[in-house]
C-alpha atoms as a PDB file:
ATOM      1  CA  MET A   1     -81.419   3.142   8.264  1.00  0.00           C
ATOM      2  CA  GLU A   2     -79.648   3.051  11.484  1.00  0.00           C
ATOM      3  CA  GLN A   3     -80.051   6.258  13.599  1.00  0.00           C
ATOM      4  CA  ILE A   4     -77.115   7.246  15.564  1.00  0.00           C
ATOM      5  CA  SER A   5     -76.910   9.973  18.179  1.00  0.00           C
ATOM      6  CA  THR A   6     -73.323  10.880  19.006  1.00  0.00           C
ATOM      7  CA  GLU A   7     -70.873  14.032  18.920  1.00  0.00           C
ATOM      8  CA  VAL A   8     -69.681  14.159  15.131  1.00  0.00           C
ATOM      9  CA  PHE A   9     -67.549  15.930  13.188  1.00  0.00           C
ATOM     10  CA  VAL A  10     -69.271  17.986  10.473  1.00  0.00           C
ATOM     11  CA  ILE A  11     -67.505  19.062   7.487  1.00  0.00           C
ATOM     12  CA  ASN A  12     -69.745  21.264   4.929  1.00  0.00           C
ATOM     13  CA  TRP A  13     -68.563  19.830   1.923  1.00  0.00           C
ATOM     14  CA  GLY A  14     -70.486  22.267  -0.438  1.00  0.00           C
ATOM     15  CA  LYS A  15     -71.754  21.582  -4.182  1.00  0.00           C
ATOM     16  CA  GLY A  16     -69.847  19.493  -6.642  1.00  0.00           C
ATOM     17  CA  THR A  17     -66.055  18.493  -6.257  1.00  0.00           C
ATOM     18  CA  GLY A  18     -64.995  21.579  -4.367  1.00  0.00           C
ATOM     19  CA  PRO A  19     -62.882  21.536  -0.892  1.00  0.00           C
ATOM     20  CA  ALA A  20     -64.370  21.378   2.464  1.00  0.00           C
ATOM     21  CA  GLN A  21     -65.228  24.729   3.406  1.00  0.00           C
ATOM     22  CA  SER A  22     -65.826  24.407   7.301  1.00  0.00           C
ATOM     23  CA  ALA A  23     -65.642  21.872  10.198  1.00  0.00           C
ATOM     24  CA  LYS A  24     -67.264  22.070  13.384  1.00  0.00           C
ATOM     25  CA  SER A  25     -68.181  19.661  16.271  1.00  0.00           C
ATOM     26  CA  VAL A  26     -71.691  19.046  17.100  1.00  0.00           C
ATOM     27  CA  SER A  27     -74.110  16.701  18.659  1.00  0.00           C
ATOM     28  CA  LYS A  28     -76.926  15.587  16.425  1.00  0.00           C
ATOM     29  CA  LYS A  29     -78.982  12.498  15.550  1.00  0.00           C
ATOM     30  CA  ILE A  30     -78.058  11.222  11.791  1.00  0.00           C
ATOM     31  CA  ASP A  31     -79.099   8.800   9.523  1.00  0.00           C
ATOM     32  CA  SER A  32     -76.204   6.468   8.528  1.00  0.00           C
ATOM     33  CA  ALA A  33     -75.654   6.032   5.074  1.00  0.00           C
ATOM     34  CA  SER A  34     -73.107   4.521   2.510  1.00  0.00           C
ATOM     35  CA  PHE A  35     -70.769   7.234   1.312  1.00  0.00           C
ATOM     36  CA  PRO A  36     -67.051   7.558   0.385  1.00  0.00           C
ATOM     37  CA  CYS A  37     -64.398   7.564   2.671  1.00  0.00           C
ATOM     38  CA  VAL A  38     -62.668  11.041   3.450  1.00  0.00           C
ATOM     39  CA  TYR A  39     -58.848  11.347   3.349  1.00  0.00           C
ATOM     40  CA  CYS A  40     -56.662  14.054   4.888  1.00  0.00           C
ATOM     41  CA  ALA A  41     -53.177  14.648   3.440  1.00  0.00           C
ATOM     42  CA  GLY A  42     -53.217  10.981   1.973  1.00  0.00           C
ATOM     43  CA  LEU A  43     -54.359   9.050   5.393  1.00  0.00           C
ATOM     44  CA  ARG A  44     -57.504   7.547   5.920  1.00  0.00           C
ATOM     45  CA  LEU A  45     -59.328   9.639   8.842  1.00  0.00           C
ATOM     46  CA  THR A  46     -62.389   7.312   9.629  1.00  0.00           C
ATOM     47  CA  GLN A  47     -64.135   3.807   9.387  1.00  0.00           C
ATOM     48  CA  LYS A  48     -67.585   5.159   9.284  1.00  0.00           C
ATOM     49  CA  ILE A  49     -68.901   8.058   7.436  1.00  0.00           C
ATOM     50  CA  PHE A  50     -72.084   9.327   7.087  1.00  0.00           C
ATOM     51  CA  SER A  51     -73.913  12.073   5.081  1.00  0.00           C
ATOM     52  CA  ASP A  52     -77.134  13.955   5.497  1.00  0.00           C
ATOM     53  CA  LYS A  53     -79.287  15.495   2.683  1.00  0.00           C
ATOM     54  CA  LYS A  54     -77.610  18.855   3.070  1.00  0.00           C
ATOM     55  CA  ASN A  55     -74.255  17.760   1.468  1.00  0.00           C
ATOM     56  CA  HIS A  56     -72.506  17.247   5.045  1.00  0.00           C
ATOM     57  CA  ILE A  57     -69.818  14.607   5.789  1.00  0.00           C
ATOM     58  CA  TRP A  58     -70.444  13.333   9.249  1.00  0.00           C
ATOM     59  CA  SER A  59     -67.139  11.686  10.820  1.00  0.00           C
ATOM     60  CA  ILE A  60     -67.851   9.705  14.584  1.00  0.00           C
ATOM     61  CA  GLU A  61     -64.219   9.386  15.285  1.00  0.00           C
ATOM     62  CA  HIS A  62     -62.187  12.364  15.170  1.00  0.00           C
ATOM     63  CA  THR A  63     -62.332  15.693  16.699  1.00  0.00           C
ATOM     64  CA  SER A  64     -60.083  17.655  14.600  1.00  0.00           C
ATOM     65  CA  VAL A  65     -59.253  17.856  11.039  1.00  0.00           C
ATOM     66  CA  SER A  66     -57.639  20.181   8.411  1.00  0.00           C
ATOM     67  CA  CYS A  67     -60.203  21.274   5.806  1.00  0.00           C
ATOM     68  CA  ASP A  68     -57.900  22.348   3.054  1.00  0.00           C
ATOM     69  CA  SER A  69     -56.261  18.683   2.571  1.00  0.00           C
ATOM     70  CA  LEU A  70     -59.532  16.939   2.622  1.00  0.00           C
ATOM     71  CA  HIS A  71     -60.553  14.760  -0.855  1.00  0.00           C
ATOM     72  CA  MET A  72     -62.963  12.000  -1.339  1.00  0.00           C
ATOM     73  CA  LYS A  73     -61.614   8.540  -2.472  1.00  0.00           C
ATOM     74  CA  GLU A  74     -64.972   7.365  -4.397  1.00  0.00           C
ATOM     75  CA  ASN A  75     -63.338   4.109  -5.273  1.00  0.00           C
ATOM     76  CA  TYR A  76     -62.089   3.257  -1.893  1.00  0.00           C
ATOM     77  CA  MET A  77     -62.017  -0.582  -1.397  1.00  0.00           C
ATOM     78  CA  ARG A  78     -63.637  -1.055  -4.757  1.00  0.00           C
ATOM     79  CA  ILE A  79     -61.316  -3.804  -5.325  1.00  0.00           C
ATOM     80  CA  LEU A  80     -61.831  -6.001  -2.067  1.00  0.00           C
ATOM     81  CA  ASN A  81     -65.557  -5.588  -2.395  1.00  0.00           C
ATOM     82  CA  ASP A  82     -65.683  -6.944  -5.767  1.00  0.00           C
ATOM     83  CA  ILE A  83     -63.863  -9.866  -4.765  1.00  0.00           C
ATOM     84  CA  ILE A  84     -65.786 -10.343  -1.801  1.00  0.00           C
ATOM     85  CA  SER A  85     -68.938 -10.334  -3.860  1.00  0.00           C
ATOM     86  CA  ASP A  86     -67.391 -12.705  -6.222  1.00  0.00           C
ATOM     87  CA  ILE A  87     -67.523 -15.414  -3.357  1.00  0.00           C
ATOM     88  CA  THR A  88     -70.106 -18.117  -3.751  1.00  0.00           C
ATOM     89  CA  GLU A  89     -70.024 -20.090  -0.999  1.00  0.00           C
ATOM     90  CA  ASP A  90     -69.620 -19.330   2.740  1.00  0.00           C
ATOM     91  CA  SER A  91     -67.961 -21.861   5.256  1.00  0.00           C
ATOM     92  CA  LYS A  92     -67.675 -22.610   8.731  1.00  0.00           C
ATOM     93  CA  ILE A  93     -64.420 -21.659  10.306  1.00  0.00           C
ATOM     94  CA  LYS A  94     -62.482 -24.805  11.593  1.00  0.00           C
ATOM     95  CA  GLU A  95     -59.135 -22.979  12.956  1.00  0.00           C
ATOM     96  CA  ILE A  96     -57.436 -19.812  13.201  1.00  0.00           C
ATOM     97  CA  HIS A  97     -53.799 -19.158  13.799  1.00  0.00           C
ATOM     98  CA  THR A  98     -52.445 -15.695  14.168  1.00  0.00           C
ATOM     99  CA  CYS A  99     -48.680 -16.038  14.273  1.00  0.00           C
ATOM    100  CA  ILE A 100     -45.816 -13.561  14.231  1.00  0.00           C
ATOM    101  CA  HIS A 101     -45.324 -13.409  10.560  1.00  0.00           C
ATOM    102  CA  TRP A 102     -48.464 -15.230   8.986  1.00  0.00           C
ATOM    103  CA  THR A 103     -51.951 -15.982   9.769  1.00  0.00           C
ATOM    104  CA  ALA A 104     -53.917 -19.109   8.778  1.00  0.00           C
ATOM    105  CA  LEU A 105     -57.396 -19.609   8.552  1.00  0.00           C
ATOM    106  CA  VAL A 106     -59.229 -22.886   7.786  1.00  0.00           C
ATOM    107  CA  SER A 107     -62.567 -22.980   6.489  1.00  0.00           C
ATOM    108  CA  ARG A 108     -63.590 -23.940   3.000  1.00  0.00           C
ATOM    109  CA  GLY A 109     -59.858 -24.032   2.143  1.00  0.00           C
ATOM    110  CA  CYS A 110     -56.726 -22.781   3.992  1.00  0.00           C
ATOM    111  CA  GLY A 111     -56.027 -19.091   3.618  1.00  0.00           C
ATOM    112  CA  LEU A 112     -53.027 -17.425   4.480  1.00  0.00           C
ATOM    113  CA  SER A 113     -52.097 -13.636   5.025  1.00  0.00           C
ATOM    114  CA  SER A 114     -49.139 -11.511   6.329  1.00  0.00           C
ATOM    115  CA  THR A 115     -49.743 -11.052  10.012  1.00  0.00           C
ATOM    116  CA  PHE A 116     -49.413  -6.628  10.365  1.00  0.00           C
ATOM    117  CA  GLN A 117     -50.244  -4.832  13.333  1.00  0.00           C
ATOM    118  CA  ASN A 118     -50.515  -1.134  14.076  1.00  0.00           C
ATOM    119  CA  ASP A 119     -47.481   0.725  15.577  1.00  0.00           C
ATOM    120  CA  ARG A 120     -49.136   1.670  18.999  1.00  0.00           C
ATOM    121  CA  ILE A 121     -49.212   0.778  22.735  1.00  0.00           C
ATOM    122  CA  PRO A 122     -51.645  -0.719  24.226  1.00  0.00           C
ATOM    123  CA  HIS A 123     -52.230  -2.878  21.300  1.00  0.00           C
ATOM    124  CA  MET A 124     -55.595  -2.635  19.178  1.00  0.00           C
ATOM    125  CA  PRO A 125     -57.781  -5.388  20.468  1.00  0.00           C
ATOM    126  CA  VAL A 126     -59.118  -8.019  17.903  1.00  0.00           C
ATOM    127  CA  ARG A 127     -63.120  -7.689  17.942  1.00  0.00           C
ATOM    128  CA  ASP A 128     -64.720 -11.086  19.408  1.00  0.00           C
ATOM    129  CA  ALA A 129     -61.169 -12.680  20.185  1.00  0.00           C
ATOM    130  CA  GLY A 130     -61.630 -16.168  21.320  1.00  0.00           C
ATOM    131  CA  GLU A 131     -64.973 -16.480  19.394  1.00  0.00           C
ATOM    132  CA  LEU A 132     -64.210 -15.918  15.977  1.00  0.00           C
ATOM    133  CA  THR A 133     -64.487 -19.660  15.153  1.00  0.00           C
ATOM    134  CA  GLN A 134     -68.136 -19.580  15.902  1.00  0.00           C
ATOM    135  CA  LYS A 135     -68.540 -17.076  12.928  1.00  0.00           C
ATOM    136  CA  THR A 136     -68.612 -18.026   9.352  1.00  0.00           C
ATOM    137  CA  ALA A 137     -65.466 -17.331   7.151  1.00  0.00           C
ATOM    138  CA  LEU A 138     -67.618 -14.793   5.271  1.00  0.00           C
ATOM    139  CA  GLU A 139     -68.514 -12.980   8.631  1.00  0.00           C
ATOM    140  CA  VAL A 140     -64.653 -12.788   9.496  1.00  0.00           C
ATOM    141  CA  VAL A 141     -63.792 -11.624   5.793  1.00  0.00           C
ATOM    142  CA  GLU A 142     -65.415  -8.277   7.048  1.00  0.00           C
ATOM    143  CA  TYR A 143     -62.753  -7.748   9.087  1.00  0.00           C
ATOM    144  CA  ALA A 144     -60.249  -7.040   6.084  1.00  0.00           C
ATOM    145  CA  ARG A 145     -61.902  -3.552   5.888  1.00  0.00           C
ATOM    146  CA  SER A 146     -60.754  -2.624   9.420  1.00  0.00           C
ATOM    147  CA  ASP A 147     -58.481  -0.065  10.236  1.00  0.00           C
ATOM    148  CA  ASN A 148     -56.981  -2.547  13.022  1.00  0.00           C
ATOM    149  CA  LEU A 149     -54.148  -4.149  10.689  1.00  0.00           C
ATOM    150  CA  LEU A 150     -54.284  -7.037  12.882  1.00  0.00           C
ATOM    151  CA  GLU A 151     -58.231  -7.771  11.921  1.00  0.00           C
ATOM    152  CA  ALA A 152     -57.442  -6.737   8.515  1.00  0.00           C
ATOM    153  CA  SER A 153     -54.709  -9.597   8.347  1.00  0.00           C
ATOM    154  CA  ILE A 154     -57.391 -12.212   9.646  1.00  0.00           C
ATOM    155  CA  GLY A 155     -59.863 -11.012   7.266  1.00  0.00           C
ATOM    156  CA  MET A 156     -57.624 -11.512   4.364  1.00  0.00           C
ATOM    157  CA  ALA A 157     -56.699 -14.926   5.638  1.00  0.00           C
ATOM    158  CA  ALA A 158     -60.500 -15.760   5.737  1.00  0.00           C
ATOM    159  CA  LEU A 159     -61.212 -14.129   2.185  1.00  0.00           C
ATOM    160  CA  ASN A 160     -58.387 -16.464   1.017  1.00  0.00           C
ATOM    161  CA  SER A 161     -59.577 -19.609   2.499  1.00  0.00           C
ATOM    162  CA  LEU A 162     -63.048 -19.137   0.544  1.00  0.00           C
ATOM    163  CA  ILE A 163     -61.354 -18.555  -2.860  1.00  0.00           C
ATOM    164  CA  GLU A 164     -61.825 -21.387  -5.153  1.00  0.00           C
ATOM    165  CA  ILE A 165     -58.527 -21.426  -7.243  1.00  0.00           C
ATOM    166  CA  ASP A 166     -59.097 -22.110 -11.029  1.00  0.00           C
ATOM    167  CA  GLU A 167     -55.923 -24.036 -11.024  1.00  0.00           C
ATOM    168  CA  ASP A 168     -56.236 -24.688 -14.998  1.00  0.00           C
ATOM    169  CA  ARG A 169     -55.624 -21.213 -15.520  1.00  0.00           C
ATOM    170  CA  CYS A 170     -52.443 -21.500 -13.246  1.00  0.00           C
ATOM    171  CA  VAL A 171     -48.756 -22.353 -13.475  1.00  0.00           C
ATOM    172  CA  GLU A 172     -46.482 -23.693 -10.775  1.00  0.00           C
ATOM    173  CA  LEU A 173     -43.856 -20.761 -10.965  1.00  0.00           C
ATOM    174  CA  ASN A 174     -42.572 -18.414  -8.175  1.00  0.00           C
ATOM    175  CA  ALA A 175     -42.974 -14.522  -8.463  1.00  0.00           C
ATOM    176  CA  PHE A 176     -39.235 -13.881  -8.962  1.00  0.00           C
ATOM    177  CA  GLU A 177     -39.245 -16.283 -11.973  1.00  0.00           C
ATOM    178  CA  ILE A 178     -41.945 -13.999 -13.551  1.00  0.00           C
ATOM    179  CA  LEU A 179     -40.640 -10.806 -12.728  1.00  0.00           C
ATOM    180  CA  ALA A 180     -37.004 -11.897 -14.184  1.00  0.00           C
ATOM    181  CA  GLU A 181     -38.497 -12.635 -17.389  1.00  0.00           C
ATOM    182  CA  LYS A 182     -41.070  -9.317 -17.751  1.00  0.00           C
ATOM    183  CA  GLY A 183     -38.322  -7.281 -15.811  1.00  0.00           C
ATOM    184  CA  ARG A 184     -35.253  -8.060 -17.629  1.00  0.00           C
ATOM    185  CA  GLY A 185     -33.607  -4.311 -18.927  1.00  0.00           C
ATOM    186  CA  LYS A 186     -36.760  -2.625 -18.067  1.00  0.00           C
ATOM    187  CA  ASN A 187     -37.758   0.124 -15.457  1.00  0.00           C
ATOM    188  CA  VAL A 188     -39.231  -1.897 -12.252  1.00  0.00           C
ATOM    189  CA  CYS A 189     -40.919  -0.817  -9.592  1.00  0.00           C
ATOM    190  CA  VAL A 190     -41.537  -3.109  -6.676  1.00  0.00           C
ATOM    191  CA  VAL A 191     -43.995  -2.006  -3.893  1.00  0.00           C
ATOM    192  CA  GLY A 192     -42.601  -3.911  -0.705  1.00  0.00           C
ATOM    193  CA  HIS A 193     -39.276  -5.118   0.153  1.00  0.00           C
ATOM    194  CA  PHE A 194     -39.089  -8.553  -0.955  1.00  0.00           C
ATOM    195  CA  PRO A 195     -36.059 -10.986  -0.597  1.00  0.00           C
ATOM    196  CA  PHE A 196     -35.563 -11.161  -4.236  1.00  0.00           C
ATOM    197  CA  ILE A 197     -34.556  -7.522  -4.507  1.00  0.00           C
ATOM    198  CA  PRO A 198     -30.849  -7.514  -4.793  1.00  0.00           C
ATOM    199  CA  ARG A 199     -31.182 -10.355  -7.618  1.00  0.00           C
ATOM    200  CA  MET A 200     -34.158  -8.017  -9.337  1.00  0.00           C
ATOM    201  CA  ARG A 201     -31.710  -4.811  -9.164  1.00  0.00           C
ATOM    202  CA  GLU A 202     -29.030  -6.872 -11.311  1.00  0.00           C
ATOM    203  CA  LEU A 203     -31.606  -7.833 -14.080  1.00  0.00           C
ATOM    204  CA  ALA A 204     -33.483  -4.557 -14.407  1.00  0.00           C
ATOM    205  CA  ASN A 205     -32.212  -1.286 -16.322  1.00  0.00           C
ATOM    206  CA  LYS A 206     -33.672   0.958 -13.374  1.00  0.00           C
ATOM    207  CA  LEU A 207     -35.327  -0.613  -9.924  1.00  0.00           C
ATOM    208  CA  TRP A 208     -37.413   1.488  -7.738  1.00  0.00           C
ATOM    209  CA  VAL A 209     -38.549   0.058  -4.462  1.00  0.00           C
ATOM    210  CA  ILE A 210     -41.343   1.640  -2.575  1.00  0.00           C
ATOM    211  CA  GLU A 211     -41.646   0.743   1.169  1.00  0.00           C
ATOM    212  CA  LYS A 212     -43.706   2.067   4.169  1.00  0.00           C
ATOM    213  CA  ARG A 213     -40.544   1.376   6.468  1.00  0.00           C
ATOM    214  CA  PRO A 214     -37.596   2.161   3.771  1.00  0.00           C
ATOM    215  CA  GLN A 215     -34.560   0.440   4.223  1.00  0.00           C
ATOM    216  CA  GLU A 216     -31.286   1.662   2.518  1.00  0.00           C
ATOM    217  CA  GLY A 217     -31.817   2.557  -1.217  1.00  0.00           C
ATOM    218  CA  ASP A 218     -35.615   2.273  -0.685  1.00  0.00           C
ATOM    219  CA  LEU A 219     -38.006   5.247  -1.573  1.00  0.00           C
ATOM    220  CA  SER A 220     -41.039   5.957   0.978  1.00  0.00           C
ATOM    221  CA  ALA A 221     -44.529   5.264   0.139  1.00  0.00           C
ATOM    222  CA  GLU A 222     -45.197   9.070  -0.764  1.00  0.00           C
ATOM    223  CA  GLU A 223     -43.052   8.432  -3.755  1.00  0.00           C
ATOM    224  CA  ALA A 224     -45.361   6.047  -5.309  1.00  0.00           C
ATOM    225  CA  GLU A 225     -47.251   8.713  -7.430  1.00  0.00           C
ATOM    226  CA  ASN A 226     -43.977   9.637  -8.894  1.00  0.00           C
ATOM    227  CA  VAL A 227     -42.589   6.489  -9.669  1.00  0.00           C
ATOM    228  CA  LEU A 228     -45.513   3.939 -10.384  1.00  0.00           C
ATOM    229  CA  PRO A 229     -46.622   5.929 -13.536  1.00  0.00           C
ATOM    230  CA  ILE A 230     -43.375   5.677 -15.376  1.00  0.00           C
ATOM    231  CA  ALA A 231     -42.673   2.278 -14.372  1.00  0.00           C
ATOM    232  CA  ASP A 232     -42.726  -0.403 -17.625  1.00  0.00           C
ATOM    233  CA  VAL A 233     -43.354  -3.287 -14.920  1.00  0.00           C
ATOM    234  CA  VAL A 234     -44.861  -3.035 -11.115  1.00  0.00           C
ATOM    235  CA  ALA A 235     -44.835  -5.620  -8.607  1.00  0.00           C
ATOM    236  CA  ILE A 236     -47.334  -4.922  -5.884  1.00  0.00           C
ATOM    237  CA  THR A 237     -47.327  -6.663  -2.519  1.00  0.00           C
ATOM    238  CA  GLY A 238     -50.553  -8.459  -1.426  1.00  0.00           C
ATOM    239  CA  THR A 239     -50.106  -6.690   1.987  1.00  0.00           C
ATOM    240  CA  SER A 240     -51.447  -3.755   0.156  1.00  0.00           C
ATOM    241  CA  PHE A 241     -55.103  -5.261   0.766  1.00  0.00           C
ATOM    242  CA  ILE A 242     -54.234  -5.075   4.511  1.00  0.00           C
ATOM    243  CA  ASN A 243     -53.060  -1.598   4.786  1.00  0.00           C
ATOM    244  CA  ASN A 244     -55.937  -0.700   2.259  1.00  0.00           C
ATOM    245  CA  THR A 245     -53.662   0.818  -0.231  1.00  0.00           C
ATOM    246  CA  ILE A 246     -54.241  -1.353  -3.391  1.00  0.00           C
ATOM    247  CA  ASP A 247     -57.117   0.796  -4.921  1.00  0.00           C
ATOM    248  CA  GLU A 248     -54.934   3.843  -5.265  1.00  0.00           C
ATOM    249  CA  LEU A 249     -51.283   1.846  -6.277  1.00  0.00           C
ATOM    250  CA  LEU A 250     -53.353   0.325  -8.894  1.00  0.00           C
ATOM    251  CA  SER A 251     -54.623   3.624 -10.175  1.00  0.00           C
ATOM    252  CA  LEU A 252     -51.337   4.908 -10.509  1.00  0.00           C
ATOM    253  CA  CYS A 253     -50.102   1.922 -12.651  1.00  0.00           C
ATOM    254  CA  ARG A 254     -51.214   3.402 -16.144  1.00  0.00           C
ATOM    255  CA  LYS A 255     -49.210   1.668 -18.744  1.00  0.00           C
ATOM    256  CA  SER A 256     -47.350  -0.967 -16.601  1.00  0.00           C
ATOM    257  CA  PHE A 257     -47.358  -4.713 -16.621  1.00  0.00           C
ATOM    258  CA  VAL A 258     -48.650  -5.369 -12.984  1.00  0.00           C
ATOM    259  CA  VAL A 259     -47.936  -8.442 -10.855  1.00  0.00           C
ATOM    260  CA  MET A 260     -49.353  -9.300  -7.683  1.00  0.00           C
ATOM    261  CA  VAL A 261     -47.139 -10.785  -5.270  1.00  0.00           C
ATOM    262  CA  GLY A 262     -47.293 -12.711  -2.124  1.00  0.00           C
ATOM    263  CA  ALA A 263     -49.356 -15.338  -0.321  1.00  0.00           C
ATOM    264  CA  THR A 264     -51.757 -12.566   0.965  1.00  0.00           C
ATOM    265  CA  SER A 265     -52.627 -11.699  -2.689  1.00  0.00           C
ATOM    266  CA  PRO A 266     -56.124 -13.155  -3.534  1.00  0.00           C
ATOM    267  CA  LEU A 267     -55.920 -15.354  -6.493  1.00  0.00           C
ATOM    268  CA  SER A 268     -59.032 -14.212  -7.890  1.00  0.00           C
ATOM    269  CA  PRO A 269     -59.526 -13.122 -11.756  1.00  0.00           C
ATOM    270  CA  VAL A 270     -61.458  -9.946 -10.267  1.00  0.00           C
ATOM    271  CA  LEU A 271     -58.143  -8.412 -10.164  1.00  0.00           C
ATOM    272  CA  PHE A 272     -57.509  -8.667 -13.676  1.00  0.00           C
ATOM    273  CA  ASP A 273     -60.656  -6.006 -14.233  1.00  0.00           C
ATOM    274  CA  TYR A 274     -58.416  -3.483 -12.525  1.00  0.00           C
ATOM    275  CA  GLY A 275     -55.315  -3.655 -14.408  1.00  0.00           C
ATOM    276  CA  VAL A 276     -53.341  -6.825 -12.872  1.00  0.00           C
ATOM    277  CA  ASP A 277     -51.625  -8.937 -15.489  1.00  0.00           C
ATOM    278  CA  ILE A 278     -50.684 -11.593 -13.238  1.00  0.00           C
ATOM    279  CA  ILE A 279     -50.936 -12.770  -9.714  1.00  0.00           C
ATOM    280  CA  ALA A 280     -48.338 -14.365  -8.079  1.00  0.00           C
ATOM    281  CA  GLY A 281     -49.893 -16.185  -5.249  1.00  0.00           C
ATOM    282  CA  SER A 282     -49.907 -19.383  -3.148  1.00  0.00           C
ATOM    283  CA  LYS A 283     -52.029 -22.309  -2.330  1.00  0.00           C
ATOM    284  CA  VAL A 284     -52.087 -24.399   1.010  1.00  0.00           C
ATOM    285  CA  VAL A 285     -52.261 -28.064  -0.162  1.00  0.00           C
ATOM    286  CA  ASP A 286     -51.249 -29.255   3.401  1.00  0.00           C
ATOM    287  CA  PRO A 287     -52.789 -27.171   5.873  1.00  0.00           C
ATOM    288  CA  GLN A 288     -51.404 -28.628   9.210  1.00  0.00           C
ATOM    289  CA  LYS A 289     -47.915 -28.760   7.885  1.00  0.00           C
ATOM    290  CA  ALA A 290     -48.145 -25.116   6.673  1.00  0.00           C
ATOM    291  CA  ILE A 291     -49.762 -24.090  10.291  1.00  0.00           C
ATOM    292  CA  ARG A 292     -46.818 -26.014  12.070  1.00  0.00           C
ATOM    293  CA  CYS A 293     -44.250 -23.846  10.380  1.00  0.00           C
ATOM    294  CA  ILE A 294     -46.102 -20.584  10.646  1.00  0.00           C
ATOM    295  CA  SER A 295     -46.678 -21.399  14.391  1.00  0.00           C
ATOM    296  CA  ASP A 296     -42.706 -21.969  14.953  1.00  0.00           C
ATOM    297  CA  GLY A 297     -42.293 -18.642  13.314  1.00  0.00           C
ATOM    298  CA  ALA A 298     -41.529 -19.362   9.775  1.00  0.00           C
ATOM    299  CA  THR A 299     -40.841 -16.660   7.226  1.00  0.00           C
ATOM    300  CA  PHE A 300     -42.231 -17.150   3.850  1.00  0.00           C
ATOM    301  CA  LYS A 301     -39.507 -19.328   2.624  1.00  0.00           C
ATOM    302  CA  GLN A 302     -39.548 -21.612   5.491  1.00  0.00           C
ATOM    303  CA  ILE A 303     -43.356 -22.760   5.077  1.00  0.00           C
ATOM    304  CA  ARG A 304     -43.885 -26.062   3.868  1.00  0.00           C
ATOM    305  CA  GLY A 305     -47.379 -27.327   2.558  1.00  0.00           C
ATOM    306  CA  ILE A 306     -47.827 -24.717  -0.163  1.00  0.00           C
ATOM    307  CA  LYS A 307     -47.460 -24.413  -3.734  1.00  0.00           C
ATOM    308  CA  HIS A 308     -46.375 -21.173  -5.473  1.00  0.00           C
ATOM    309  CA  LEU A 309     -48.992 -20.406  -8.576  1.00  0.00           C
ATOM    310  CA  ILE A 310     -49.071 -17.716 -11.444  1.00  0.00           C
ATOM    311  CA  MET A 311     -52.428 -16.517 -12.506  1.00  0.00           C
ATOM    312  CA  LYS A 312     -52.332 -15.169 -15.951  1.00  0.00           C
ATOM    313  CA  LYS A 313     -54.746 -12.618 -17.267  1.00  0.00           C
END
């Protein structure tokens, strides 16, 4: 077990599931251990959490915390972990292209992911940039766990490059066609502002759009807990893997018909174990054509060399 000596933030969680009681900054050598992530006011505080035998939580990245609002997310990244565990074969990385809208990584196959960045200046650096093609795809998949959104984008492209898509259980359709079929006359919630929103609004009885950067008529991300439990049909963007919200979003879909939408969505049947009914993703069939398009700044509709697949539960 790794020994770490650093200034840490120690939070006395106490027994059971009660709230944190106190917090103070100390310097101490501690043993690193697997521990659930800590959230404050709904936002993840740190990548590395450690615990000791006295029921403390150790955060090595922050110098202040509101103890009253802390709670533990025991299933944090559980879905991503299970999808990664389902990968049976690693591969060398041949190419990585991190472009303005899309990231492509070529290994066993060609995986796509939306390209996200953190809103901060200076920009957060990507670990080992310039050396990533010397790693294996499975090593870079670990970037999908990162708080650095650009790293997480690269990690999701790596993950999608390794997934062996079972096309025998897929049909070639786009996401809107399946949502139009399932959502007509129903109460529909879409997480992510997709181009099909105006058409969906005409078909649905009621349409809510949840968006981290709301446009006119959208609801903020904080409204998800109020809307998702009452929706008949829910569409969730695959980019929820990048910003690490997928577990929480799916936990709110109690009785909904759930569709994962977008090229970032892993076409993995593991998602069906977590309440997803349909995955509306993409497979790259001509990597060079797709890479040429995203390198030219293509939006999703402009990408050639891919096909839209629907995988059903």
